[in-house]
PDB file of N, CA and C in Angstrom:
ATOM      1  N   MET A   1       0.855  -1.176   0.000  1.00  0.00           N
ATOM      2  CA  MET A   1       0.000   0.000   0.000  1.00  0.00           C
ATOM      3  C   MET A   1       0.901   1.240   0.000  1.00  0.00           C
ATOM      4  N   SER A   2       0.756   2.065  -1.030  1.00  0.00           N
ATOM      5  CA  SER A   2       1.602   3.237  -1.164  1.00  0.00           C
ATOM      6  C   SER A   2       0.966   4.442  -0.478  1.00  0.00           C
ATOM      7  N   TRP A   3       1.727   5.529  -0.421  1.00  0.00           N
ATOM      8  CA  TRP A   3       1.201   6.735   0.208  1.00  0.00           C
ATOM      9  C   TRP A   3       0.092   7.350  -0.639  1.00  0.00           C
ATOM     10  N   LEU A   4       0.108   7.100  -1.960  1.00  0.00           N
ATOM     11  CA  LEU A   4      -0.981   7.578  -2.814  1.00  0.00           C
ATOM     12  C   LEU A   4      -2.291   6.875  -2.493  1.00  0.00           C
ATOM     13  N   ASP A   5      -2.206   5.585  -2.152  1.00  0.00           N
ATOM     14  CA  ASP A   5      -3.406   4.855  -1.757  1.00  0.00           C
ATOM     15  C   ASP A   5      -3.977   5.408  -0.450  1.00  0.00           C
ATOM     16  N   VAL A   6      -3.103   5.717   0.492  1.00  0.00           N
ATOM     17  CA  VAL A   6      -3.542   6.277   1.770  1.00  0.00           C
ATOM     18  C   VAL A   6      -4.151   7.664   1.555  1.00  0.00           C
ATOM     19  N   PHE A   7      -3.489   8.498   0.761  1.00  0.00           N
ATOM     20  CA  PHE A   7      -4.001   9.832   0.464  1.00  0.00           C
ATOM     21  C   PHE A   7      -5.363   9.739  -0.220  1.00  0.00           C
ATOM     22  N   SER A   8      -5.487   8.838  -1.179  1.00  0.00           N
ATOM     23  CA  SER A   8      -6.744   8.656  -1.892  1.00  0.00           C
ATOM     24  C   SER A   8      -7.846   8.196  -0.943  1.00  0.00           C
ATOM     25  N   ALA A   9      -7.530   7.261  -0.062  1.00  0.00           N
ATOM     26  CA  ALA A   9      -8.526   6.756   0.891  1.00  0.00           C
ATOM     27  C   ALA A   9      -8.970   7.848   1.855  1.00  0.00           C
ATOM     28  N   VAL A  10      -8.022   8.664   2.319  1.00  0.00           N
ATOM     29  CA  VAL A  10      -8.377   9.757   3.228  1.00  0.00           C
ATOM     30  C   VAL A  10      -9.276  10.767   2.516  1.00  0.00           C
ATOM     31  N   CYS A  11      -8.943  11.098   1.273  1.00  0.00           N
ATOM     32  CA  CYS A  11      -9.776  12.040   0.510  1.00  0.00           C
ATOM     33  C   CYS A  11     -11.168  11.473   0.267  1.00  0.00           C
ATOM     34  N   LEU A  12     -11.250  10.201  -0.119  1.00  0.00           N
ATOM     35  CA  LEU A  12     -12.544   9.590  -0.385  1.00  0.00           C
ATOM     36  C   LEU A  12     -13.394   9.505   0.881  1.00  0.00           C
ATOM     37  N   LEU A  13     -12.796   9.106   1.990  1.00  0.00           N
ATOM     38  CA  LEU A  13     -13.547   9.024   3.244  1.00  0.00           C
ATOM     39  C   LEU A  13     -13.940  10.407   3.754  1.00  0.00           C
ATOM     40  N   GLY A  14     -13.028  11.367   3.662  1.00  0.00           N
ATOM     41  CA  GLY A  14     -13.349  12.732   4.083  1.00  0.00           C
ATOM     42  C   GLY A  14     -14.451  13.341   3.230  1.00  0.00           C
ATOM     43  N   GLY A  15     -14.395  13.116   1.918  1.00  0.00           N
ATOM     44  CA  GLY A  15     -15.439  13.612   1.030  1.00  0.00           C
ATOM     45  C   GLY A  15     -16.779  12.966   1.297  1.00  0.00           C
ATOM     46  N   SER A  16     -16.760  11.675   1.539  1.00  0.00           N
ATOM     47  CA  SER A  16     -18.003  10.967   1.854  1.00  0.00           C
ATOM     48  C   SER A  16     -18.602  11.462   3.162  1.00  0.00           C
ATOM     49  N   LEU A  17     -17.766  11.682   4.158  1.00  0.00           N
ATOM     50  CA  LEU A  17     -18.243  12.185   5.442  1.00  0.00           C
ATOM     51  C   LEU A  17     -18.803  13.595   5.307  1.00  0.00           C
ATOM     52  N   SER A  18     -18.142  14.421   4.517  1.00  0.00           N
ATOM     53  CA  SER A  18     -18.628  15.775   4.303  1.00  0.00           C
ATOM     54  C   SER A  18     -19.989  15.767   3.605  1.00  0.00           C
ATOM     55  N   CYS A  19     -20.151  14.923   2.596  1.00  0.00           N
ATOM     56  CA  CYS A  19     -21.440  14.810   1.910  1.00  0.00           C
ATOM     57  C   CYS A  19     -22.517  14.271   2.841  1.00  0.00           C
ATOM     58  N   LEU A  20     -22.167  13.308   3.685  1.00  0.00           N
ATOM     59  CA  LEU A  20     -23.129  12.763   4.640  1.00  0.00           C
ATOM     60  C   LEU A  20     -23.573  13.824   5.633  1.00  0.00           C
ATOM     61  N   LEU A  21     -22.625  14.581   6.178  1.00  0.00           N
ATOM     62  CA  LEU A  21     -22.985  15.635   7.130  1.00  0.00           C
ATOM     63  C   LEU A  21     -23.825  16.725   6.458  1.00  0.00           C
ATOM     64  N   GLY A  22     -23.520  17.043   5.207  1.00  0.00           N
ATOM     65  CA  GLY A  22     -24.327  18.007   4.470  1.00  0.00           C
ATOM     66  C   GLY A  22     -25.751  17.508   4.263  1.00  0.00           C
ATOM     67  N   ALA A  23     -25.903  16.228   3.955  1.00  0.00           N
ATOM     68  CA  ALA A  23     -27.234  15.653   3.766  1.00  0.00           C
ATOM     69  C   ALA A  23     -28.018  15.627   5.075  1.00  0.00           C
ATOM     70  N   ILE A  24     -27.343  15.318   6.170  1.00  0.00           N
ATOM     71  CA  ILE A  24     -28.012  15.333   7.474  1.00  0.00           C
ATOM     72  C   ILE A  24     -28.442  16.755   7.818  1.00  0.00           C
ATOM     73  N   GLY A  25     -27.577  17.729   7.567  1.00  0.00           N
ATOM     74  CA  GLY A  25     -27.935  19.123   7.815  1.00  0.00           C
ATOM     75  C   GLY A  25     -29.078  19.577   6.942  1.00  0.00           C
ATOM     76  N   LEU A  26     -29.095  19.118   5.702  1.00  0.00           N
ATOM     77  CA  LEU A  26     -30.169  19.479   4.787  1.00  0.00           C
ATOM     78  C   LEU A  26     -31.514  18.971   5.285  1.00  0.00           C
ATOM     79  N   MET A  27     -31.514  17.818   5.902  1.00  0.00           N
ATOM     80  CA  MET A  27     -32.764  17.252   6.398  1.00  0.00           C
ATOM     81  C   MET A  27     -33.162  17.779   7.781  1.00  0.00           C
ATOM     82  N   SER A  28     -32.190  18.266   8.556  1.00  0.00           N
ATOM     83  CA  SER A  28     -32.518  18.603   9.939  1.00  0.00           C
ATOM     84  C   SER A  28     -32.547  20.097  10.248  1.00  0.00           C
ATOM     85  N   PHE A  29     -31.947  20.932   9.414  1.00  0.00           N
ATOM     86  CA  PHE A  29     -31.955  22.366   9.709  1.00  0.00           C
ATOM     87  C   PHE A  29     -33.354  22.938   9.526  1.00  0.00           C
ATOM     88  N   PRO A  30     -33.703  23.960  10.317  1.00  0.00           N
ATOM     89  CA  PRO A  30     -35.101  24.410  10.361  1.00  0.00           C
ATOM     90  C   PRO A  30     -35.547  25.331   9.230  1.00  0.00           C
ATOM     91  N   ASP A  31     -34.655  26.121   8.643  1.00  0.00           N
ATOM     92  CA  ASP A  31     -35.119  27.105   7.660  1.00  0.00           C
ATOM     93  C   ASP A  31     -34.314  27.016   6.365  1.00  0.00           C
ATOM     94  N   VAL A  32     -34.774  27.761   5.388  1.00  0.00           N
ATOM     95  CA  VAL A  32     -34.187  27.704   4.049  1.00  0.00           C
ATOM     96  C   VAL A  32     -32.737  28.172   4.045  1.00  0.00           C
ATOM     97  N   ALA A  33     -32.439  29.242   4.760  1.00  0.00           N
ATOM     98  CA  ALA A  33     -31.079  29.778   4.757  1.00  0.00           C
ATOM     99  C   ALA A  33     -30.075  28.761   5.312  1.00  0.00           C
ATOM    100  N   ALA A  34     -30.417  28.112   6.398  1.00  0.00           N
ATOM    101  CA  ALA A  34     -29.525  27.109   6.971  1.00  0.00           C
ATOM    102  C   ALA A  34     -29.414  25.893   6.064  1.00  0.00           C
ATOM    103  N   ARG A  35     -30.500  25.514   5.436  1.00  0.00           N
ATOM    104  CA  ARG A  35     -30.457  24.377   4.518  1.00  0.00           C
ATOM    105  C   ARG A  35     -29.607  24.677   3.282  1.00  0.00           C
ATOM    106  N   LEU A  36     -29.631  25.922   2.850  1.00  0.00           N
ATOM    107  CA  LEU A  36     -28.781  26.285   1.717  1.00  0.00           C
ATOM    108  C   LEU A  36     -27.310  26.134   2.067  1.00  0.00           C
ATOM    109  N   GLN A  37     -26.946  26.493   3.290  1.00  0.00           N
ATOM    110  CA  GLN A  37     -25.561  26.307   3.732  1.00  0.00           C
ATOM    111  C   GLN A  37     -25.187  24.831   3.709  1.00  0.00           C
ATOM    112  N   ALA A  38     -26.099  23.992   4.225  1.00  0.00           N
ATOM    113  CA  ALA A  38     -25.822  22.555   4.266  1.00  0.00           C
ATOM    114  C   ALA A  38     -25.825  21.938   2.875  1.00  0.00           C
ATOM    115  N   ALA A  39     -26.578  22.524   1.966  1.00  0.00           N
ATOM    116  CA  ALA A  39     -26.666  21.957   0.623  1.00  0.00           C
ATOM    117  C   ALA A  39     -25.487  22.339  -0.257  1.00  0.00           C
ATOM    118  N   THR A  40     -24.821  23.436   0.055  1.00  0.00           N
ATOM    119  CA  THR A  40     -23.771  23.890  -0.859  1.00  0.00           C
ATOM    120  C   THR A  40     -22.361  23.652  -0.338  1.00  0.00           C
ATOM    121  N   LYS A  41     -22.043  24.153   0.823  1.00  0.00           N
ATOM    122  CA  LYS A  41     -20.646  24.111   1.268  1.00  0.00           C
ATOM    123  C   LYS A  41     -20.127  22.701   1.531  1.00  0.00           C
ATOM    124  N   PRO A  42     -20.771  21.908   2.387  1.00  0.00           N
ATOM    125  CA  PRO A  42     -20.220  20.559   2.607  1.00  0.00           C
ATOM    126  C   PRO A  42     -20.307  19.673   1.366  1.00  0.00           C
ATOM    127  N   GLN A  43     -21.357  19.864   0.566  1.00  0.00           N
ATOM    128  CA  GLN A  43     -21.496  19.043  -0.632  1.00  0.00           C
ATOM    129  C   GLN A  43     -20.400  19.360  -1.642  1.00  0.00           C
ATOM    130  N   THR A  44     -20.084  20.638  -1.802  1.00  0.00           N
ATOM    131  CA  THR A  44     -19.026  21.025  -2.733  1.00  0.00           C
ATOM    132  C   THR A  44     -17.671  20.520  -2.248  1.00  0.00           C
ATOM    133  N   LEU A  45     -17.387  20.711  -0.970  1.00  0.00           N
ATOM    134  CA  LEU A  45     -16.128  20.206  -0.408  1.00  0.00           C
ATOM    135  C   LEU A  45     -16.051  18.692  -0.547  1.00  0.00           C
ATOM    136  N   GLY A  46     -17.149  18.006  -0.248  1.00  0.00           N
ATOM    137  CA  GLY A  46     -17.167  16.549  -0.349  1.00  0.00           C
ATOM    138  C   GLY A  46     -16.920  16.070  -1.763  1.00  0.00           C
ATOM    139  N   LEU A  47     -17.574  16.706  -2.725  1.00  0.00           N
ATOM    140  CA  LEU A  47     -17.371  16.311  -4.115  1.00  0.00           C
ATOM    141  C   LEU A  47     -15.930  16.544  -4.549  1.00  0.00           C
ATOM    142  N   ILE A  48     -15.366  17.674  -4.158  1.00  0.00           N
ATOM    143  CA  ILE A  48     -13.993  17.971  -4.557  1.00  0.00           C
ATOM    144  C   ILE A  48     -13.022  16.968  -3.934  1.00  0.00           C
ATOM    145  N   LEU A  49     -13.226  16.627  -2.677  1.00  0.00           N
ATOM    146  CA  LEU A  49     -12.355  15.616  -2.052  1.00  0.00           C
ATOM    147  C   LEU A  49     -12.492  14.261  -2.734  1.00  0.00           C
ATOM    148  N   ILE A  50     -13.706  13.891  -3.088  1.00  0.00           N
ATOM    149  CA  ILE A  50     -13.909  12.613  -3.781  1.00  0.00           C
ATOM    150  C   ILE A  50     -13.247  12.645  -5.160  1.00  0.00           C
ATOM    151  N   LEU A  51     -13.356  13.761  -5.846  1.00  0.00           N
ATOM    152  CA  LEU A  51     -12.715  13.869  -7.155  1.00  0.00           C
ATOM    153  C   LEU A  51     -11.196  13.822  -7.050  1.00  0.00           C
ATOM    154  N   ILE A  52     -10.644  14.464  -6.018  1.00  0.00           N
ATOM    155  CA  ILE A  52      -9.188  14.413  -5.806  1.00  0.00           C
ATOM    156  C   ILE A  52      -8.751  12.991  -5.498  1.00  0.00           C
ATOM    157  N   GLY A  53      -9.487  12.326  -4.615  1.00  0.00           N
ATOM    158  CA  GLY A  53      -9.158  10.947  -4.266  1.00  0.00           C
ATOM    159  C   GLY A  53      -9.232  10.003  -5.456  1.00  0.00           C
ATOM    160  N   THR A  54     -10.126  10.286  -6.370  1.00  0.00           N
ATOM    161  CA  THR A  54     -10.245   9.474  -7.578  1.00  0.00           C
ATOM    162  C   THR A  54      -9.179   9.842  -8.600  1.00  0.00           C
ATOM    163  N   ALA A  55      -8.903  11.137  -8.745  1.00  0.00           N
ATOM    164  CA  ALA A  55      -7.955  11.608  -9.757  1.00  0.00           C
ATOM    165  C   ALA A  55      -6.539  11.123  -9.499  1.00  0.00           C
ATOM    166  N   VAL A  56      -6.210  10.832  -8.259  1.00  0.00           N
ATOM    167  CA  VAL A  56      -4.861  10.367  -7.910  1.00  0.00           C
ATOM    168  C   VAL A  56      -4.524   9.075  -8.655  1.00  0.00           C
ATOM    169  N   HIS A  57      -5.526   8.256  -8.916  1.00  0.00           N
ATOM    170  CA  HIS A  57      -5.276   6.957  -9.542  1.00  0.00           C
ATOM    171  C   HIS A  57      -5.549   6.938 -11.041  1.00  0.00           C
ATOM    172  N   LEU A  58      -5.829   8.079 -11.632  1.00  0.00           N
ATOM    173  CA  LEU A  58      -6.118   8.131 -13.054  1.00  0.00           C
ATOM    174  C   LEU A  58      -4.957   8.736 -13.837  1.00  0.00           C
ATOM    175  N   GLU A  59      -5.006   8.545 -15.139  1.00  0.00           N
ATOM    176  CA  GLU A  59      -4.038   9.205 -16.014  1.00  0.00           C
ATOM    177  C   GLU A  59      -4.359  10.694 -16.046  1.00  0.00           C
ATOM    178  N   TYR A  60      -3.385  11.473 -16.477  1.00  0.00           N
ATOM    179  CA  TYR A  60      -3.541  12.931 -16.461  1.00  0.00           C
ATOM    180  C   TYR A  60      -4.726  13.388 -17.301  1.00  0.00           C
ATOM    181  N   ARG A  61      -4.929  12.779 -18.453  1.00  0.00           N
ATOM    182  CA  ARG A  61      -6.022  13.189 -19.338  1.00  0.00           C
ATOM    183  C   ARG A  61      -7.377  13.002 -18.670  1.00  0.00           C
ATOM    184  N   ASN A  62      -7.565  11.889 -18.013  1.00  0.00           N
ATOM    185  CA  ASN A  62      -8.829  11.628 -17.328  1.00  0.00           C
ATOM    186  C   ASN A  62      -8.953  12.458 -16.051  1.00  0.00           C
ATOM    187  N   ALA A  63      -7.853  12.659 -15.368  1.00  0.00           N
ATOM    188  CA  ALA A  63      -7.877  13.453 -14.135  1.00  0.00           C
ATOM    189  C   ALA A  63      -8.175  14.918 -14.444  1.00  0.00           C
ATOM    190  N   SER A  64      -7.729  15.402 -15.585  1.00  0.00           N
ATOM    191  CA  SER A  64      -8.018  16.792 -15.938  1.00  0.00           C
ATOM    192  C   SER A  64      -9.508  17.002 -16.167  1.00  0.00           C
ATOM    193  N   ALA A  65     -10.215  15.994 -16.624  1.00  0.00           N
ATOM    194  CA  ALA A  65     -11.669  16.099 -16.773  1.00  0.00           C
ATOM    195  C   ALA A  65     -12.333  16.238 -15.407  1.00  0.00           C
ATOM    196  N   LEU A  66     -11.796  15.548 -14.404  1.00  0.00           N
ATOM    197  CA  LEU A  66     -12.343  15.671 -13.048  1.00  0.00           C
ATOM    198  C   LEU A  66     -12.087  17.060 -12.476  1.00  0.00           C
ATOM    199  N   ILE A  67     -10.966  17.653 -12.861  1.00  0.00           N
ATOM    200  CA  ILE A  67     -10.681  19.030 -12.432  1.00  0.00           C
ATOM    201  C   ILE A  67     -11.727  19.981 -13.013  1.00  0.00           C
ATOM    202  N   LEU A  68     -12.107  19.750 -14.255  1.00  0.00           N
ATOM    203  CA  LEU A  68     -13.147  20.577 -14.874  1.00  0.00           C
ATOM    204  C   LEU A  68     -14.491  20.403 -14.163  1.00  0.00           C
ATOM    205  N   VAL A  69     -14.790  19.193 -13.744  1.00  0.00           N
ATOM    206  CA  VAL A  69     -16.024  18.947 -12.985  1.00  0.00           C
ATOM    207  C   VAL A  69     -15.989  19.719 -11.671  1.00  0.00           C
ATOM    208  N   ALA A  70     -14.857  19.693 -10.984  1.00  0.00           N
ATOM    209  CA  ALA A  70     -14.728  20.415  -9.713  1.00  0.00           C
ATOM    210  C   ALA A  70     -14.866  21.920  -9.925  1.00  0.00           C
ATOM    211  N   LEU A  71     -14.258  22.453 -10.967  1.00  0.00           N
ATOM    212  CA  LEU A  71     -14.382  23.887 -11.249  1.00  0.00           C
ATOM    213  C   LEU A  71     -15.819  24.269 -11.576  1.00  0.00           C
ATOM    214  N   PHE A  72     -16.494  23.445 -12.354  1.00  0.00           N
ATOM    215  CA  PHE A  72     -17.886  23.711 -12.686  1.00  0.00           C
ATOM    216  C   PHE A  72     -18.744  23.696 -11.428  1.00  0.00           C
ATOM    217  N   GLN A  73     -18.492  22.770 -10.532  1.00  0.00           N
ATOM    218  CA  GLN A  73     -19.241  22.700  -9.270  1.00  0.00           C
ATOM    219  C   GLN A  73     -18.985  23.939  -8.421  1.00  0.00           C
ATOM    220  N   MET A  74     -17.733  24.381  -8.365  1.00  0.00           N
ATOM    221  CA  MET A  74     -17.404  25.556  -7.552  1.00  0.00           C
ATOM    222  C   MET A  74     -17.995  26.831  -8.137  1.00  0.00           C
ATOM    223  N   LEU A  75     -18.210  26.877  -9.435  1.00  0.00           N
ATOM    224  CA  LEU A  75     -18.801  28.059 -10.059  1.00  0.00           C
ATOM    225  C   LEU A  75     -20.320  28.072  -9.963  1.00  0.00           C
ATOM    226  N   THR A  76     -20.951  26.930 -10.118  1.00  0.00           N
ATOM    227  CA  THR A  76     -22.409  26.905 -10.173  1.00  0.00           C
ATOM    228  C   THR A  76     -23.085  26.804  -8.818  1.00  0.00           C
ATOM    229  N   SER A  77     -22.479  26.158  -7.873  1.00  0.00           N
ATOM    230  CA  SER A  77     -23.119  25.957  -6.572  1.00  0.00           C
ATOM    231  C   SER A  77     -23.416  27.266  -5.832  1.00  0.00           C
ATOM    232  N   PRO A  78     -22.483  28.199  -5.718  1.00  0.00           N
ATOM    233  CA  PRO A  78     -22.810  29.463  -5.038  1.00  0.00           C
ATOM    234  C   PRO A  78     -23.858  30.286  -5.778  1.00  0.00           C
ATOM    235  N   VAL A  79     -23.817  30.261  -7.097  1.00  0.00           N
ATOM    236  CA  VAL A  79     -24.791  31.025  -7.878  1.00  0.00           C
ATOM    237  C   VAL A  79     -26.188  30.448  -7.673  1.00  0.00           C
ATOM    238  N   LEU A  80     -26.283  29.139  -7.714  1.00  0.00           N
ATOM    239  CA  LEU A  80     -27.572  28.489  -7.524  1.00  0.00           C
ATOM    240  C   LEU A  80     -28.123  28.750  -6.129  1.00  0.00           C
ATOM    241  N   SER A  81     -27.281  28.650  -5.111  1.00  0.00           N
ATOM    242  CA  SER A  81     -27.769  28.894  -3.749  1.00  0.00           C
ATOM    243  C   SER A  81     -28.179  30.351  -3.567  1.00  0.00           C
ATOM    244  N   GLN A  82     -27.491  31.277  -4.218  1.00  0.00           N
ATOM    245  CA  GLN A  82     -27.867  32.689  -4.153  1.00  0.00           C
ATOM    246  C   GLN A  82     -29.246  32.900  -4.773  1.00  0.00           C
ATOM    247  N   LEU A  83     -29.488  32.293  -5.923  1.00  0.00           N
ATOM    248  CA  LEU A  83     -30.775  32.437  -6.590  1.00  0.00           C
ATOM    249  C   LEU A  83     -31.903  31.794  -5.788  1.00  0.00           C
ATOM    250  N   VAL A  84     -31.656  30.634  -5.223  1.00  0.00           N
ATOM    251  CA  VAL A  84     -32.676  29.973  -4.406  1.00  0.00           C
ATOM    252  C   VAL A  84     -32.946  30.787  -3.148  1.00  0.00           C
ATOM    253  N   GLY A  85     -31.902  31.330  -2.536  1.00  0.00           N
ATOM    254  CA  GLY A  85     -32.073  32.161  -1.350  1.00  0.00           C
ATOM    255  C   GLY A  85     -32.878  33.417  -1.627  1.00  0.00           C
ATOM    256  N   ARG A  86     -32.611  34.071  -2.744  1.00  0.00           N
ATOM    257  CA  ARG A  86     -33.381  35.268  -3.115  1.00  0.00           C
ATOM    258  C   ARG A  86     -34.839  34.920  -3.397  1.00  0.00           C
ATOM    259  N   ALA A  87     -35.053  33.806  -4.091  1.00  0.00           N
ATOM    260  CA  ALA A  87     -36.434  33.394  -4.374  1.00  0.00           C
ATOM    261  C   ALA A  87     -37.173  33.050  -3.085  1.00  0.00           C
ATOM    262  N   ALA A  88     -36.492  32.393  -2.158  1.00  0.00           N
ATOM    263  CA  ALA A  88     -37.114  32.058  -0.877  1.00  0.00           C
ATOM    264  C   ALA A  88     -37.397  33.318  -0.072  1.00  0.00           C
ATOM    265  N   TYR A  89     -36.513  34.278  -0.133  1.00  0.00           N
ATOM    266  CA  TYR A  89     -36.715  35.543   0.583  1.00  0.00           C
ATOM    267  C   TYR A  89     -37.932  36.285   0.041  1.00  0.00           C
ATOM    268  N   ARG A  90     -38.028  36.365  -1.271  1.00  0.00           N
ATOM    269  CA  ARG A  90     -39.155  37.075  -1.889  1.00  0.00           C
ATOM    270  C   ARG A  90     -40.466  36.337  -1.709  1.00  0.00           C
ATOM    271  N   ALA A  91     -40.414  35.025  -1.510  1.00  0.00           N
ATOM    272  CA  ALA A  91     -41.625  34.241  -1.278  1.00  0.00           C
ATOM    273  C   ALA A  91     -41.963  34.165   0.216  1.00  0.00           C
ATOM    274  N   ASP A  92     -41.253  34.935   1.035  1.00  0.00           N
ATOM    275  CA  ASP A  92     -41.444  34.964   2.497  1.00  0.00           C
ATOM    276  C   ASP A  92     -41.266  33.590   3.150  1.00  0.00           C
ATOM    277  N   SER A  93     -40.316  32.825   2.646  1.00  0.00           N
ATOM    278  CA  SER A  93     -39.993  31.527   3.250  1.00  0.00           C
ATOM    279  C   SER A  93     -38.865  31.634   4.257  1.00  0.00           C
ATOM    280  N   ILE A  94     -38.272  32.818   4.371  1.00  0.00           N
ATOM    281  CA  ILE A  94     -37.187  33.047   5.329  1.00  0.00           C
ATOM    282  C   ILE A  94     -37.704  33.984   6.404  1.00  0.00           C
ATOM    283  N   ARG A  95     -37.478  33.603   7.653  1.00  0.00           N
ATOM    284  CA  ARG A  95     -37.886  34.472   8.767  1.00  0.00           C
ATOM    285  C   ARG A  95     -36.917  35.639   8.835  1.00  0.00           C
ATOM    286  N   ARG A  96     -37.415  36.816   8.544  1.00  0.00           N
ATOM    287  CA  ARG A  96     -36.564  37.996   8.476  1.00  0.00           C
ATOM    288  C   ARG A  96     -36.101  38.466   9.847  1.00  0.00           C
ATOM    289  N   ASP A  97     -36.818  38.101  10.894  1.00  0.00           N
ATOM    290  CA  ASP A  97     -36.401  38.529  12.230  1.00  0.00           C
ATOM    291  C   ASP A  97     -35.165  37.783  12.716  1.00  0.00           C
ATOM    292  N   THR A  98     -34.812  36.686  12.079  1.00  0.00           N
ATOM    293  CA  THR A  98     -33.621  35.937  12.481  1.00  0.00           C
ATOM    294  C   THR A  98     -32.365  36.374  11.738  1.00  0.00           C
ATOM    295  N   LEU A  99     -32.508  37.244  10.738  1.00  0.00           N
ATOM    296  CA  LEU A  99     -31.355  37.694   9.968  1.00  0.00           C
ATOM    297  C   LEU A  99     -30.574  38.742  10.744  1.00  0.00           C
ATOM    298  N   VAL A 100     -29.280  38.638  10.742  1.00  0.00           N
ATOM    299  CA  VAL A 100     -28.420  39.616  11.400  1.00  0.00           C
ATOM    300  C   VAL A 100     -28.361  40.895  10.573  1.00  0.00           C
ATOM    301  N   LEU A 101     -28.185  40.745   9.284  1.00  0.00           N
ATOM    302  CA  LEU A 101     -28.126  41.882   8.372  1.00  0.00           C
ATOM    303  C   LEU A 101     -29.012  41.564   7.175  1.00  0.00           C
ATOM    304  N   ASP A 102     -29.953  42.428   6.901  1.00  0.00           N
ATOM    305  CA  ASP A 102     -30.933  42.189   5.847  1.00  0.00           C
ATOM    306  C   ASP A 102     -30.719  43.185   4.707  1.00  0.00           C
ATOM    307  N   GLU A 103     -29.673  42.986   3.928  1.00  0.00           N
ATOM    308  CA  GLU A 103     -29.353  43.902   2.837  1.00  0.00           C
ATOM    309  C   GLU A 103     -30.383  43.828   1.713  1.00  0.00           C
ATOM    310  N   LEU A 104     -30.860  42.637   1.416  1.00  0.00           N
ATOM    311  CA  LEU A 104     -31.842  42.504   0.345  1.00  0.00           C
ATOM    312  C   LEU A 104     -33.156  43.194   0.722  1.00  0.00           C
ATOM    313  N   GLY A 105     -33.560  43.065   1.985  1.00  0.00           N
ATOM    314  CA  GLY A 105     -34.776  43.731   2.427  1.00  0.00           C
ATOM    315  C   GLY A 105     -34.655  45.244   2.355  1.00  0.00           C
ATOM    316  N   GLN A 106     -33.493  45.756   2.739  1.00  0.00           N
ATOM    317  CA  GLN A 106     -33.264  47.202   2.652  1.00  0.00           C
ATOM    318  C   GLN A 106     -33.307  47.668   1.200  1.00  0.00           C
ATOM    319  N   ARG A 107     -32.718  46.899   0.318  1.00  0.00           N
ATOM    320  CA  ARG A 107     -32.703  47.262  -1.097  1.00  0.00           C
ATOM    321  C   ARG A 107     -34.103  47.212  -1.692  1.00  0.00           C
ATOM    322  N   LEU A 108     -34.874  46.183  -1.351  1.00  0.00           N
ATOM    323  CA  LEU A 108     -36.230  46.083  -1.869  1.00  0.00           C
ATOM    324  C   LEU A 108     -37.117  47.199  -1.317  1.00  0.00           C
ATOM    325  N   ASP A 109     -36.899  47.594  -0.052  1.00  0.00           N
ATOM    326  CA  ASP A 109     -37.667  48.693   0.523  1.00  0.00           C
ATOM    327  C   ASP A 109     -37.353  50.006  -0.194  1.00  0.00           C
ATOM    328  N   ARG A 110     -36.066  50.249  -0.497  1.00  0.00           N
ATOM    329  CA  ARG A 110     -35.688  51.455  -1.233  1.00  0.00           C
ATOM    330  C   ARG A 110     -36.324  51.480  -2.614  1.00  0.00           C
ATOM    331  N   GLU A 111     -36.307  50.347  -3.285  1.00  0.00           N
ATOM    332  CA  GLU A 111     -36.906  50.280  -4.618  1.00  0.00           C
ATOM    333  C   GLU A 111     -38.415  50.517  -4.553  1.00  0.00           C
ATOM    334  N   LYS A 112     -39.058  49.999  -3.518  1.00  0.00           N
ATOM    335  CA  LYS A 112     -40.497  50.176  -3.379  1.00  0.00           C
ATOM    336  C   LYS A 112     -40.835  51.650  -3.119  1.00  0.00           C
ATOM    337  N   HIS A 113     -40.012  52.344  -2.348  1.00  0.00           N
ATOM    338  CA  HIS A 113     -40.261  53.751  -2.038  1.00  0.00           C
ATOM    339  C   HIS A 113     -40.009  54.658  -3.237  1.00  0.00           C
ATOM    340  N   HIS A 114     -39.124  54.251  -4.149  1.00  0.00           N
ATOM    341  CA  HIS A 114     -38.827  55.066  -5.329  1.00  0.00           C
ATOM    342  C   HIS A 114     -39.895  54.959  -6.405  1.00  0.00           C
ATOM    343  N   ARG A 115     -40.741  54.001  -6.298  1.00  0.00           N
ATOM    344  CA  ARG A 115     -41.792  53.802  -7.326  1.00  0.00           C
ATOM    345  C   ARG A 115     -42.922  54.720  -7.110  1.00  0.00           C
TER     346      ARG A 115
END
């Protein structure tokens, strides 16, 4: 067993654990904002660790495709969570009294007053 096998196993197990914890958080957190955190950050980290653990044992050409998958995930996941969060906010699915800073609410109030 080489050090690459150990590194790959640690990455695969760490990624799997991160995805599992994200899924548990997604099912157990009480509101949309907290669920968005659980759906994006641990899932993205978990996927990237799994891809790294897999790429270690592949040829460069195939491993570079996994790098593209990781980059695509890192670009789309925050954008998607931002859009879902804004839609949930506008649909009153987020309790505004629990927000520390409500920049979107302030912006929407300003826009409403200018009309």
